[in-house]
Protein backbone atom coordinates (compact mmCIF):
# COMPACT_ATOMS: atom_id res chain seq x y z
CA MET A 1 0.01 -0.14 -0.02
CA ILE A 2 2.94 2.31 0.69
CA TYR A 3 4.17 2.07 -3.13
CA LEU A 4 0.72 2.83 -4.24
CA GLY A 5 0.60 5.93 -1.66
CA ILE A 6 3.71 7.33 -2.81
CA LEU A 7 2.85 6.91 -6.87
CA LEU A 8 -0.59 8.93 -6.02
CA PHE A 9 1.33 11.54 -3.99
CA LEU A 10 3.66 12.02 -6.90
CA LEU A 11 1.28 12.02 -9.66
CA ALA A 12 -0.38 14.76 -7.32
CA CYS A 13 2.71 16.73 -7.47
CA MET A 14 2.87 16.48 -11.10
CA VAL A 15 -0.84 17.51 -11.65
CA LEU A 16 0.17 20.70 -9.34
CA LEU A 17 3.07 21.34 -11.50
CA ASP A 18 1.16 20.96 -14.77
CA ALA A 19 -1.57 23.19 -13.46
CA LYS A 20 0.99 25.76 -12.39
CA GLY A 21 2.88 26.14 -15.58
CA LYS A 22 -0.11 25.17 -17.88
CA LEU A 23 2.32 22.52 -19.49
CA PHE A 24 0.26 19.55 -20.67
CA LEU A 25 -3.15 18.61 -19.53
CA PHE A 26 -3.76 21.92 -18.50
CA ARG A 27 -2.80 23.61 -21.65
CA HIS A 28 -4.76 21.25 -24.19
CA PRO A 29 -6.87 18.94 -22.03
CA VAL A 30 -8.37 16.58 -24.54
CA ARG A 31 -5.13 16.35 -26.60
CA GLY A 32 -3.25 15.87 -23.14
CA ILE A 33 -5.86 13.32 -21.91
CA LEU A 34 -5.76 11.40 -25.29
CA GLY A 35 -1.98 11.50 -25.25
CA LEU A 36 -1.89 10.32 -21.82
CA ALA A 37 -4.11 7.45 -22.54
CA LEU A 38 -2.17 6.29 -25.49
CA GLY A 39 1.11 6.35 -23.97
CA THR A 40 -0.10 4.56 -21.15
CA GLY A 41 -1.82 2.03 -23.29
CA PHE A 42 1.36 1.64 -25.17
CA PHE A 43 3.16 0.73 -22.33
CA VAL A 44 0.49 -1.51 -20.73
CA LEU A 45 0.64 -3.52 -23.85
CA TRP A 46 4.36 -3.66 -23.70
CA ASP A 47 4.15 -5.11 -20.22
CA VAL A 48 1.52 -7.61 -20.99
CA LEU A 49 3.60 -8.91 -23.83
CA ALA A 50 6.74 -9.15 -21.59
CA ILE A 51 4.54 -11.02 -19.09
CA ARG A 52 3.56 -13.50 -21.79
CA GLN A 53 7.57 -13.86 -22.60
CA GLY A 54 8.36 -14.52 -18.99
CA ILE A 55 10.58 -11.12 -18.79
CA PHE A 56 8.41 -9.31 -16.25
CA LEU A 57 7.42 -11.34 -13.00
CA HIS A 58 5.73 -10.06 -10.15
CA LYS A 59 7.10 -10.77 -6.40
CA GLU A 60 4.98 -9.90 -3.60
CA SER A 61 5.80 -7.34 -1.33
CA GLN A 62 4.59 -5.58 1.67
CA LEU A 63 4.74 -2.35 0.20
CA MET A 64 2.15 -3.29 -2.46
CA THR A 65 -1.79 -3.81 -2.04
CA GLY A 66 -1.61 -7.36 -3.49
CA ILE A 67 -4.34 -6.34 -6.17
CA MET A 68 -3.64 -7.74 -9.29
CA VAL A 69 -5.32 -6.29 -12.51
CA GLY A 70 -4.18 -9.19 -14.43
CA GLU A 71 -1.73 -12.01 -14.33
CA GLN A 72 1.76 -10.88 -12.85
CA PHE A 73 0.45 -7.31 -13.32
CA PRO A 74 -0.28 -5.42 -10.27
CA LEU A 75 -2.63 -2.43 -9.60
CA GLU A 76 0.61 -0.18 -8.71
CA GLU A 77 2.22 -0.86 -12.27
CA VAL A 78 -0.77 0.98 -13.93
CA PHE A 79 -0.30 4.07 -11.76
CA PHE A 80 3.45 3.89 -12.28
CA LEU A 81 2.72 3.73 -16.25
CA VAL A 82 0.44 6.83 -15.88
CA PHE A 83 3.16 8.59 -13.57
CA LEU A 84 5.76 7.67 -16.24
CA CYS A 85 3.96 8.98 -19.29
CA TYR A 86 2.74 12.27 -17.35
CA CYS A 87 5.97 12.94 -16.35
CA ALA A 88 7.78 12.40 -19.83
CA MET A 89 5.09 14.51 -21.20
CA ILE A 90 5.65 17.41 -18.90
CA ALA A 91 9.08 17.50 -18.97
CA PHE A 92 8.85 17.36 -22.84
CA ALA A 93 6.39 20.25 -22.92
CA GLY A 94 8.42 22.07 -20.11
CA LEU A 95 11.83 22.12 -21.62
CA PRO A 96 11.19 24.85 -24.12
CA MET A 97 10.03 26.90 -21.37
CA LEU A 98 13.15 25.97 -19.26
CA VAL A 99 15.45 26.78 -22.10
CA ARG A 100 13.76 30.23 -22.77
CA GLY A 101 13.86 31.02 -18.46
CA LEU A 102 17.82 30.11 -18.67
CA ARG A 103 17.98 32.83 -21.65
CA GLY A 104 16.34 35.23 -19.53
CA GLU A 105 13.14 35.28 -21.67
CA ARG A 106 9.86 35.52 -20.47
CA HIS A 107 7.31 32.58 -20.58
CA VAL A 108 4.06 33.39 -22.73
CA PRO A 109 1.61 30.55 -22.03
C-alpha cells in the first residue's frame, strides 16, 4: 500500500506542476488526456507482452496492495505507467520554457 500511496502523491505533484505552468493537460486538456491514454496504453501492452514472454514477473511485497489487474500485473504498475507517461510529457512540454528561462526570456503561455 505504501508504493501506491507514493505513486499517488507523485502524480498529485505532477498535476500541481502542470496546473501552475499549464504545460500539458492544463494547456490542451483533450489532446493531453488522449496522449496520456495512448502512451499509458502502449506501455501496458508492452508489459503484457513482456509478462507473456516471462520477462516481467511480479514478486510479492509488503509495500504493495496485492491487487492484481492481470496475471503478474499489479495495480501499482498501472499507476506507475500513468506517472511515467505524465512525467515524460510534462518534461517534454516544459523543456522549451526552461530553455527560455535560462536565456532570460519571459514565458508566454
